[in-house]
Amino acid sequence: MKFKHGRSTEGARGGFTIIEMLVAITIATVGLLALIACSNYLLRSLDGASRDTVAAVSAQSGLEELAGSACASLPLNTVTVTTSRGITRRTRILDNGNDTRAVLDSLSWTTRIGTRRTVVASILPCRPGA
């Protein structure tokens, strides 16, 4: 049987060869493996970032607690060690002169990679009458 344009219904059929299918499956597999590797890296990064955030919030809350205290009640030149939520905080308060106190916070916490450390320094003004 022939169509108007001289093509027959018998002949080359459209579709994919087995080689084309194997190449497509291989490319898709490599792409999926790359996504799995990236997702593992992202999960580790997000876990580390959340621990860093908890450490920063711990330092901030400690400084706010000290800021609400009277300067006379703050222990000068003494290291105070506290541990909360896996974060060890070492606080040292120094007399900074001019009715101010210098606060040095050394924070350390453990991640999957190892122990992270940071130091936060701040100056607290002494309020009159406090």
Protein backbone atom coordinates (compact mmCIF):
# COMPACT_ATOMS: atom_id res chain seq x y z
CA MET A 1 0.00 0.00 0.00
CA LYS A 2 1.31 3.44 -0.91
CA PHE A 3 0.47 6.92 0.26
CA LYS A 4 0.08 9.88 -2.10
CA HIS A 5 3.70 10.94 -1.70
CA GLY A 6 5.12 7.59 -2.63
CA ARG A 7 5.97 6.34 0.86
CA SER A 8 4.93 2.89 1.86
CA THR A 9 3.63 1.86 5.24
CA GLU A 10 6.35 -0.74 5.38
CA GLY A 11 9.88 0.47 5.99
CA ALA A 12 11.76 2.37 8.70
CA ARG A 13 9.81 2.73 11.89
CA GLY A 14 10.36 5.55 14.38
CA GLY A 15 11.70 4.72 17.85
CA PHE A 16 14.86 4.16 19.90
CA THR A 17 17.55 1.59 19.40
CA ILE A 18 18.89 -0.47 22.29
CA ILE A 19 22.18 1.51 22.17
CA GLU A 20 20.34 4.81 22.54
CA MET A 21 18.40 3.41 25.49
CA LEU A 22 21.59 2.18 27.22
CA VAL A 23 23.27 5.57 26.75
CA ALA A 24 20.20 7.37 28.14
CA ILE A 25 20.01 5.05 31.18
CA THR A 26 23.75 5.51 31.83
CA ILE A 27 23.45 9.30 31.72
CA ALA A 28 20.41 9.22 34.03
CA THR A 29 22.26 6.92 36.48
CA VAL A 30 25.30 9.21 36.63
CA GLY A 31 22.99 12.18 37.24
CA LEU A 32 21.18 10.39 40.08
CA LEU A 33 24.46 9.36 41.71
CA ALA A 34 25.65 12.97 41.56
CA LEU A 35 22.42 14.11 43.25
CA ILE A 36 22.85 11.53 46.01
CA ALA A 37 26.44 12.64 46.63
CA CYS A 38 25.38 16.30 46.76
CA SER A 39 22.52 15.60 49.14
CA ASN A 40 24.88 13.87 51.59
CA TYR A 41 27.24 16.84 51.47
CA LEU A 42 24.34 19.27 51.95
CA LEU A 43 23.03 17.36 54.96
CA ARG A 44 26.46 17.45 56.63
CA SER A 45 26.78 21.18 55.87
CA LEU A 46 23.34 21.95 57.26
CA ASP A 47 24.09 19.96 60.41
CA GLY A 48 27.30 21.93 60.94
CA ALA A 49 25.53 25.22 60.26
CA SER A 50 22.81 24.44 62.79
CA ARG A 51 25.45 23.68 65.45
CA ASP A 52 27.22 26.95 64.61
CA THR A 53 23.92 28.79 65.03
CA VAL A 54 23.27 27.17 68.41
CA ALA A 55 26.77 28.24 69.52
CA ALA A 56 26.16 31.83 68.40
CA VAL A 57 22.82 31.95 70.21
CA SER A 58 24.49 30.54 73.33
CA ALA A 59 27.11 33.31 73.26
CA GLN A 60 24.47 35.97 72.70
CA SER A 61 22.24 34.76 75.53
CA GLY A 62 25.23 34.61 77.88
CA LEU A 63 26.18 38.19 77.04
CA GLU A 64 22.62 39.36 77.54
CA GLU A 65 22.54 37.64 80.93
CA LEU A 66 25.75 39.41 81.94
CA ALA A 67 24.46 42.74 80.64
CA GLY A 68 21.51 42.48 83.00
CA SER A 69 23.76 41.93 86.02
CA ALA A 70 25.23 44.63 88.22
CA CYS A 71 28.91 45.27 87.47
CA ALA A 72 29.82 44.81 91.15
CA SER A 73 28.45 41.25 91.05
CA LEU A 74 30.50 40.17 88.02
CA PRO A 75 33.55 38.06 88.96
CA LEU A 76 36.66 39.78 87.54
CA ASN A 77 39.63 37.82 86.15
CA THR A 78 37.95 34.49 86.79
CA VAL A 79 37.17 31.90 84.12
CA THR A 80 33.63 30.56 84.39
CA VAL A 81 32.95 27.32 82.50
CA THR A 82 29.43 26.27 81.53
CA THR A 83 28.20 23.51 79.22
CA SER A 84 24.81 23.51 77.54
CA ARG A 85 23.52 21.63 74.47
CA GLY A 86 26.98 20.28 73.72
CA ILE A 87 28.61 23.72 73.76
CA THR A 88 31.32 24.50 76.30
CA ARG A 89 31.52 28.19 77.11
CA ARG A 90 34.46 29.73 78.98
CA THR A 91 33.78 33.30 80.09
CA ARG A 92 36.34 35.73 81.45
CA ILE A 93 35.42 39.23 82.60
CA LEU A 94 38.04 41.96 82.80
CA ASP A 95 37.91 45.52 84.10
CA ASN A 96 38.12 47.67 80.98
CA GLY A 97 38.22 51.04 82.76
CA ASN A 98 35.76 53.93 82.32
CA ASP A 99 33.00 51.95 84.07
CA THR A 100 33.06 49.19 81.45
CA ARG A 101 33.79 45.47 81.55
CA ALA A 102 35.43 43.45 78.77
CA VAL A 103 33.88 40.02 78.29
CA LEU A 104 35.78 37.26 76.48
CA ASP A 105 33.75 34.17 75.61
CA SER A 106 35.56 31.14 74.25
CA LEU A 107 33.12 28.63 72.78
CA SER A 108 33.88 25.08 71.68
CA TRP A 109 31.56 22.41 70.28
CA THR A 110 31.89 19.12 68.45
CA THR A 111 30.77 18.52 64.88
CA ARG A 112 31.12 15.47 62.66
CA ILE A 113 34.35 16.91 61.30
CA GLY A 114 35.91 17.72 64.66
CA THR A 115 35.90 20.33 67.41
CA ARG A 116 35.07 23.90 66.43
CA ARG A 117 36.15 26.91 68.46
CA THR A 118 35.40 30.60 68.39
CA VAL A 119 36.03 33.59 70.62
CA VAL A 120 33.50 36.38 71.13
CA ALA A 121 34.64 39.65 72.70
CA SER A 122 32.30 42.34 73.95
CA ILE A 123 32.32 45.43 76.15
CA LEU A 124 29.59 45.90 78.73
CA PRO A 125 28.90 49.37 80.15
CA CYS A 126 28.24 49.57 83.87
CA ARG A 127 24.95 51.30 84.52
CA PRO A 128 24.89 53.97 87.21
CA GLY A 129 23.30 52.69 90.40
CA ALA A 130 23.44 49.05 89.27
